[in-house]
N, C-alpha and C. Protein backbone atom coordinates (compact mmCIF):
# COMPACT_ATOMS: atom_id res chain seq x y z
N MET A 1 12.98 1.06 36.51
CA MET A 1 11.69 0.73 35.93
C MET A 1 11.82 -0.59 35.18
N THR A 2 10.90 -1.49 35.40
CA THR A 2 10.95 -2.78 34.73
C THR A 2 10.43 -2.65 33.31
N MET A 3 10.74 -3.65 32.53
CA MET A 3 10.31 -3.66 31.13
C MET A 3 8.79 -3.60 31.04
N LEU A 4 8.08 -4.34 31.89
CA LEU A 4 6.63 -4.36 31.82
C LEU A 4 6.03 -3.02 32.23
N ALA A 5 6.70 -2.28 33.08
CA ALA A 5 6.17 -1.00 33.55
C ALA A 5 6.14 0.05 32.45
N ARG A 6 6.91 -0.14 31.40
CA ARG A 6 6.96 0.83 30.31
C ARG A 6 5.85 0.64 29.29
N HIS A 7 5.04 -0.35 29.47
CA HIS A 7 3.99 -0.66 28.50
C HIS A 7 2.63 -0.64 29.19
N THR A 8 1.60 -0.69 28.36
CA THR A 8 0.24 -0.72 28.89
C THR A 8 -0.02 -2.06 29.54
N PRO A 9 -1.05 -2.14 30.38
CA PRO A 9 -1.41 -3.44 30.96
C PRO A 9 -1.73 -4.49 29.88
N GLN A 10 -2.31 -4.05 28.78
CA GLN A 10 -2.62 -4.99 27.70
C GLN A 10 -1.33 -5.57 27.10
N ASP A 11 -0.31 -4.71 26.95
CA ASP A 11 0.97 -5.18 26.43
C ASP A 11 1.61 -6.18 27.39
N ALA A 12 1.54 -5.88 28.68
CA ALA A 12 2.11 -6.78 29.68
C ALA A 12 1.39 -8.12 29.66
N TYR A 13 0.07 -8.09 29.59
CA TYR A 13 -0.72 -9.33 29.55
C TYR A 13 -0.38 -10.12 28.30
N ARG A 14 -0.30 -9.45 27.16
CA ARG A 14 0.01 -10.11 25.89
C ARG A 14 1.37 -10.80 25.99
N ARG A 15 2.34 -10.11 26.61
CA ARG A 15 3.70 -10.66 26.72
C ARG A 15 3.71 -11.89 27.64
N VAL A 16 3.03 -11.80 28.77
CA VAL A 16 2.99 -12.92 29.70
C VAL A 16 2.27 -14.11 29.04
N ASP A 17 1.17 -13.84 28.36
CA ASP A 17 0.44 -14.90 27.66
C ASP A 17 1.31 -15.56 26.60
N PHE A 18 2.02 -14.74 25.83
CA PHE A 18 2.89 -15.26 24.78
C PHE A 18 4.00 -16.11 25.38
N ASP A 19 4.66 -15.62 26.43
CA ASP A 19 5.74 -16.37 27.08
C ASP A 19 5.23 -17.71 27.61
N ALA A 20 4.06 -17.71 28.20
CA ALA A 20 3.48 -18.95 28.74
C ALA A 20 3.19 -19.95 27.63
N ARG A 21 2.71 -19.45 26.51
CA ARG A 21 2.39 -20.34 25.40
C ARG A 21 3.63 -20.90 24.74
N VAL A 22 4.71 -20.10 24.68
CA VAL A 22 5.96 -20.55 24.05
C VAL A 22 6.61 -21.66 24.87
N HIS A 23 6.55 -21.53 26.19
CA HIS A 23 7.20 -22.50 27.06
C HIS A 23 6.58 -23.89 26.84
N GLY A 24 7.39 -24.82 26.40
CA GLY A 24 6.91 -26.18 26.24
C GLY A 24 6.36 -26.51 24.87
N CYS A 25 6.36 -25.57 23.93
CA CYS A 25 5.87 -25.84 22.58
C CYS A 25 6.85 -26.71 21.81
N ASP A 26 6.32 -27.55 20.95
CA ASP A 26 7.19 -28.26 20.01
C ASP A 26 7.40 -27.35 18.80
N PRO A 27 8.33 -27.68 17.92
CA PRO A 27 8.63 -26.79 16.79
C PRO A 27 7.42 -26.42 15.93
N ALA A 28 6.55 -27.38 15.66
CA ALA A 28 5.37 -27.09 14.83
C ALA A 28 4.44 -26.10 15.53
N GLU A 29 4.29 -26.26 16.84
CA GLU A 29 3.46 -25.33 17.61
C GLU A 29 4.08 -23.93 17.64
N LEU A 30 5.41 -23.86 17.70
CA LEU A 30 6.08 -22.56 17.68
C LEU A 30 5.85 -21.84 16.35
N VAL A 31 5.90 -22.59 15.27
CA VAL A 31 5.64 -21.99 13.95
C VAL A 31 4.21 -21.46 13.93
N GLY A 32 3.26 -22.25 14.39
CA GLY A 32 1.87 -21.81 14.44
C GLY A 32 1.69 -20.57 15.30
N LEU A 33 2.41 -20.52 16.41
CA LEU A 33 2.35 -19.36 17.30
C LEU A 33 2.92 -18.12 16.61
N CYS A 34 4.01 -18.30 15.88
CA CYS A 34 4.59 -17.16 15.14
C CYS A 34 3.63 -16.67 14.07
N TYR A 35 2.97 -17.60 13.36
CA TYR A 35 2.00 -17.20 12.36
C TYR A 35 0.85 -16.43 13.01
N GLU A 36 0.36 -16.95 14.14
CA GLU A 36 -0.72 -16.29 14.86
C GLU A 36 -0.32 -14.88 15.29
N HIS A 37 0.89 -14.76 15.80
CA HIS A 37 1.41 -13.47 16.25
C HIS A 37 1.55 -12.50 15.06
N LEU A 38 2.05 -13.00 13.96
CA LEU A 38 2.22 -12.17 12.76
C LEU A 38 0.87 -11.72 12.21
N ILE A 39 -0.08 -12.62 12.11
CA ILE A 39 -1.42 -12.29 11.61
C ILE A 39 -2.09 -11.25 12.50
N GLY A 40 -2.00 -11.46 13.81
CA GLY A 40 -2.59 -10.50 14.75
C GLY A 40 -1.93 -9.13 14.68
N SER A 41 -0.63 -9.12 14.55
CA SER A 41 0.10 -7.85 14.47
C SER A 41 -0.25 -7.08 13.20
N LEU A 42 -0.37 -7.79 12.10
CA LEU A 42 -0.76 -7.12 10.85
C LEU A 42 -2.18 -6.57 10.95
N GLY A 43 -3.07 -7.31 11.59
CA GLY A 43 -4.43 -6.82 11.82
C GLY A 43 -4.42 -5.58 12.69
N SER A 44 -3.57 -5.57 13.72
CA SER A 44 -3.45 -4.40 14.59
C SER A 44 -2.91 -3.20 13.83
N ALA A 45 -1.97 -3.44 12.93
CA ALA A 45 -1.42 -2.34 12.13
C ALA A 45 -2.50 -1.74 11.23
N LEU A 46 -3.31 -2.59 10.63
CA LEU A 46 -4.39 -2.10 9.78
C LEU A 46 -5.41 -1.29 10.59
N TYR A 47 -5.75 -1.79 11.76
CA TYR A 47 -6.70 -1.09 12.62
C TYR A 47 -6.13 0.26 13.07
N ALA A 48 -4.87 0.27 13.46
CA ALA A 48 -4.23 1.51 13.89
C ALA A 48 -4.18 2.52 12.74
N HIS A 49 -3.93 2.03 11.54
CA HIS A 49 -3.90 2.91 10.37
C HIS A 49 -5.27 3.56 10.15
N GLU A 50 -6.33 2.76 10.27
CA GLU A 50 -7.69 3.28 10.11
C GLU A 50 -8.00 4.38 11.13
N ARG A 51 -7.48 4.22 12.33
CA ARG A 51 -7.71 5.20 13.40
C ARG A 51 -6.73 6.37 13.35
N GLY A 52 -5.73 6.29 12.49
CA GLY A 52 -4.74 7.35 12.40
C GLY A 52 -3.75 7.33 13.56
N ASP A 53 -3.58 6.18 14.19
CA ASP A 53 -2.69 6.03 15.34
C ASP A 53 -1.34 5.51 14.85
N ASN A 54 -0.45 6.42 14.51
CA ASN A 54 0.84 6.03 13.95
C ASN A 54 1.72 5.29 14.94
N ALA A 55 1.64 5.64 16.23
CA ALA A 55 2.46 4.95 17.23
C ALA A 55 2.04 3.49 17.35
N ALA A 56 0.74 3.24 17.41
CA ALA A 56 0.25 1.86 17.50
C ALA A 56 0.56 1.10 16.21
N LYS A 57 0.47 1.76 15.08
CA LYS A 57 0.79 1.11 13.80
C LYS A 57 2.26 0.71 13.77
N SER A 58 3.12 1.58 14.24
CA SER A 58 4.55 1.29 14.29
C SER A 58 4.85 0.12 15.23
N GLN A 59 4.21 0.11 16.39
CA GLN A 59 4.40 -1.00 17.34
C GLN A 59 3.93 -2.32 16.74
N ALA A 60 2.80 -2.28 16.05
CA ALA A 60 2.27 -3.49 15.43
C ALA A 60 3.20 -4.00 14.33
N LEU A 61 3.73 -3.09 13.52
CA LEU A 61 4.67 -3.50 12.47
C LEU A 61 5.95 -4.07 13.08
N THR A 62 6.38 -3.52 14.19
CA THR A 62 7.57 -4.04 14.87
C THR A 62 7.32 -5.45 15.37
N ARG A 63 6.14 -5.69 15.96
CA ARG A 63 5.80 -7.04 16.42
C ARG A 63 5.72 -8.00 15.23
N ALA A 64 5.17 -7.54 14.13
CA ALA A 64 5.09 -8.38 12.93
C ALA A 64 6.48 -8.75 12.44
N MET A 65 7.39 -7.78 12.44
CA MET A 65 8.77 -8.05 12.01
C MET A 65 9.45 -9.05 12.94
N SER A 66 9.17 -8.96 14.22
CA SER A 66 9.74 -9.91 15.18
C SER A 66 9.27 -11.33 14.89
N ALA A 67 7.98 -11.48 14.65
CA ALA A 67 7.43 -12.80 14.33
C ALA A 67 8.02 -13.32 13.02
N LEU A 68 8.12 -12.44 12.04
CA LEU A 68 8.69 -12.84 10.75
C LEU A 68 10.15 -13.25 10.90
N THR A 69 10.90 -12.52 11.69
CA THR A 69 12.31 -12.87 11.94
C THR A 69 12.41 -14.25 12.58
N ALA A 70 11.56 -14.53 13.55
CA ALA A 70 11.57 -15.85 14.18
C ALA A 70 11.27 -16.94 13.15
N LEU A 71 10.32 -16.68 12.27
CA LEU A 71 10.01 -17.66 11.22
C LEU A 71 11.20 -17.86 10.30
N GLN A 72 11.84 -16.76 9.90
CA GLN A 72 13.00 -16.87 9.02
C GLN A 72 14.13 -17.66 9.67
N LEU A 73 14.37 -17.41 10.93
CA LEU A 73 15.45 -18.10 11.63
C LEU A 73 15.14 -19.59 11.81
N GLY A 74 13.89 -19.95 11.77
CA GLY A 74 13.50 -21.34 11.95
C GLY A 74 13.54 -22.20 10.71
N VAL A 75 13.78 -21.59 9.55
CA VAL A 75 13.83 -22.36 8.30
C VAL A 75 15.18 -23.06 8.21
N SER A 76 15.13 -24.37 8.03
CA SER A 76 16.38 -25.12 7.87
C SER A 76 16.40 -25.75 6.49
N GLY A 77 17.58 -25.90 5.97
CA GLY A 77 17.75 -26.46 4.64
C GLY A 77 17.93 -25.36 3.61
N GLU A 78 18.37 -25.76 2.44
CA GLU A 78 18.68 -24.79 1.39
C GLU A 78 17.92 -25.03 0.09
N ALA A 79 17.12 -26.07 0.02
CA ALA A 79 16.44 -26.39 -1.24
C ALA A 79 14.96 -26.63 -0.99
N GLY A 80 14.24 -26.78 -2.09
CA GLY A 80 12.83 -27.14 -2.03
C GLY A 80 11.99 -26.14 -1.27
N VAL A 81 11.21 -26.66 -0.31
CA VAL A 81 10.30 -25.82 0.46
C VAL A 81 11.06 -24.78 1.27
N ALA A 82 12.23 -25.15 1.80
CA ALA A 82 13.03 -24.21 2.59
C ALA A 82 13.41 -23.00 1.75
N LEU A 83 13.83 -23.22 0.52
CA LEU A 83 14.21 -22.12 -0.37
C LEU A 83 13.00 -21.24 -0.67
N ALA A 84 11.87 -21.87 -0.95
CA ALA A 84 10.64 -21.11 -1.24
C ALA A 84 10.22 -20.28 -0.02
N LEU A 85 10.31 -20.86 1.17
CA LEU A 85 9.96 -20.11 2.39
C LEU A 85 10.90 -18.93 2.59
N ARG A 86 12.19 -19.16 2.39
CA ARG A 86 13.16 -18.06 2.54
C ARG A 86 12.81 -16.90 1.59
N GLN A 87 12.51 -17.22 0.35
CA GLN A 87 12.18 -16.19 -0.63
C GLN A 87 10.88 -15.48 -0.25
N PHE A 88 9.88 -16.24 0.16
CA PHE A 88 8.60 -15.67 0.57
C PHE A 88 8.78 -14.75 1.77
N TYR A 89 9.45 -15.24 2.79
CA TYR A 89 9.66 -14.44 4.00
C TYR A 89 10.46 -13.17 3.68
N GLN A 90 11.46 -13.29 2.82
CA GLN A 90 12.26 -12.11 2.45
C GLN A 90 11.42 -11.08 1.71
N ALA A 91 10.55 -11.54 0.82
CA ALA A 91 9.66 -10.62 0.10
C ALA A 91 8.71 -9.92 1.08
N VAL A 92 8.18 -10.67 2.04
CA VAL A 92 7.29 -10.09 3.05
C VAL A 92 8.06 -9.07 3.89
N ARG A 93 9.28 -9.41 4.28
CA ARG A 93 10.11 -8.47 5.04
C ARG A 93 10.27 -7.15 4.28
N GLY A 94 10.54 -7.24 2.99
CA GLY A 94 10.67 -6.03 2.18
C GLY A 94 9.39 -5.20 2.17
N SER A 95 8.26 -5.87 2.04
CA SER A 95 6.97 -5.17 2.04
C SER A 95 6.70 -4.50 3.38
N LEU A 96 7.03 -5.19 4.48
CA LEU A 96 6.82 -4.60 5.80
C LEU A 96 7.72 -3.40 6.01
N LEU A 97 8.96 -3.52 5.59
CA LEU A 97 9.88 -2.38 5.72
C LEU A 97 9.43 -1.20 4.87
N ASP A 98 8.94 -1.47 3.67
CA ASP A 98 8.40 -0.41 2.82
C ASP A 98 7.21 0.27 3.48
N SER A 99 6.41 -0.51 4.21
CA SER A 99 5.22 0.03 4.87
C SER A 99 5.54 0.96 6.02
N VAL A 100 6.74 0.89 6.53
CA VAL A 100 7.14 1.82 7.59
C VAL A 100 7.16 3.24 7.01
N LEU A 101 7.63 3.38 5.77
CA LEU A 101 7.72 4.69 5.14
C LEU A 101 6.44 5.09 4.41
N ALA A 102 5.84 4.15 3.72
CA ALA A 102 4.62 4.43 2.96
C ALA A 102 3.66 3.26 3.17
N PHE A 103 2.79 3.41 4.16
CA PHE A 103 1.89 2.32 4.53
C PHE A 103 0.89 2.06 3.42
N LYS A 104 0.84 0.80 3.01
CA LYS A 104 -0.09 0.38 1.96
C LYS A 104 -1.05 -0.65 2.55
N PRO A 105 -2.21 -0.19 3.02
CA PRO A 105 -3.13 -1.12 3.69
C PRO A 105 -3.53 -2.32 2.84
N ALA A 106 -3.70 -2.13 1.55
CA ALA A 106 -4.09 -3.25 0.69
C ALA A 106 -3.00 -4.33 0.68
N ARG A 107 -1.76 -3.91 0.62
CA ARG A 107 -0.63 -4.86 0.61
C ARG A 107 -0.54 -5.58 1.95
N ILE A 108 -0.71 -4.85 3.05
CA ILE A 108 -0.65 -5.47 4.38
C ILE A 108 -1.81 -6.46 4.54
N ALA A 109 -2.98 -6.10 4.07
CA ALA A 109 -4.14 -7.00 4.14
C ALA A 109 -3.88 -8.27 3.31
N GLU A 110 -3.24 -8.11 2.16
CA GLU A 110 -2.92 -9.25 1.30
C GLU A 110 -1.93 -10.18 1.99
N ILE A 111 -0.90 -9.61 2.60
CA ILE A 111 0.09 -10.41 3.33
C ILE A 111 -0.59 -11.14 4.49
N ARG A 112 -1.44 -10.42 5.20
CA ARG A 112 -2.15 -11.02 6.33
C ARG A 112 -3.00 -12.20 5.85
N GLN A 113 -3.69 -12.04 4.73
CA GLN A 113 -4.51 -13.12 4.18
C GLN A 113 -3.65 -14.31 3.77
N ASP A 114 -2.49 -14.05 3.16
CA ASP A 114 -1.58 -15.14 2.78
C ASP A 114 -1.18 -15.96 4.01
N PHE A 115 -0.79 -15.27 5.08
CA PHE A 115 -0.37 -15.98 6.28
C PHE A 115 -1.55 -16.68 6.96
N THR A 116 -2.73 -16.11 6.86
CA THR A 116 -3.92 -16.75 7.42
C THR A 116 -4.18 -18.06 6.70
N GLU A 117 -4.06 -18.05 5.39
CA GLU A 117 -4.28 -19.27 4.61
C GLU A 117 -3.22 -20.32 4.89
N ILE A 118 -1.97 -19.89 5.01
CA ILE A 118 -0.90 -20.84 5.32
C ILE A 118 -1.11 -21.43 6.71
N ALA A 119 -1.45 -20.59 7.67
CA ALA A 119 -1.70 -21.08 9.04
C ALA A 119 -2.84 -22.08 9.06
N ALA A 120 -3.89 -21.81 8.31
CA ALA A 120 -5.02 -22.75 8.25
C ALA A 120 -4.59 -24.07 7.64
N ALA A 121 -3.77 -24.01 6.60
CA ALA A 121 -3.29 -25.24 5.98
C ALA A 121 -2.40 -26.02 6.94
N LEU A 122 -1.55 -25.32 7.68
CA LEU A 122 -0.70 -25.99 8.66
C LEU A 122 -1.53 -26.61 9.78
N ALA A 123 -2.56 -25.91 10.21
CA ALA A 123 -3.42 -26.44 11.26
C ALA A 123 -4.17 -27.67 10.78
N GLY A 124 -4.60 -27.65 9.55
CA GLY A 124 -5.28 -28.81 8.97
C GLY A 124 -4.33 -29.98 8.82
N GLU A 125 -3.09 -29.70 8.49
CA GLU A 125 -2.07 -30.73 8.34
C GLU A 125 -1.75 -31.37 9.68
N SER A 126 -1.63 -30.55 10.73
CA SER A 126 -1.31 -31.11 12.05
C SER A 126 -2.51 -31.84 12.65
N ALA A 127 -3.72 -31.42 12.27
CA ALA A 127 -4.92 -32.12 12.77
C ALA A 127 -5.05 -33.50 12.12
N ALA A 128 -4.59 -33.59 10.87
CA ALA A 128 -4.66 -34.86 10.15
C ALA A 128 -3.59 -35.84 10.62
N ALA A 129 -2.52 -35.33 11.23
CA ALA A 129 -1.40 -36.19 11.65
C ALA A 129 -1.72 -37.02 12.86
């Protein structure tokens, strides 16, 4: 059985779309894509929680953790903005891991809003460049 066969058609489409978008991205676009993926996954987790769908909530949190891990691995440097990003991402990682055991929708919504604002600022910065 192939990897895609184990998931829904929507999951397969999402994966193919994501892979196509990643191919050929520059670093700034990859960061934006990770933010987009993280924001969407957190939104999916909130929606799944509202519906009482624990399996979908778990999958969404896993996708969010994957995006967050990619962002963490992409931070270079040890001072200034890099240090602040490392601390921020680590705090978010802790909150997401805590949410696996005790889901706190308000905290997840707050994290999602933070990343939405950062993504908007990054998009505005790249548009100005």
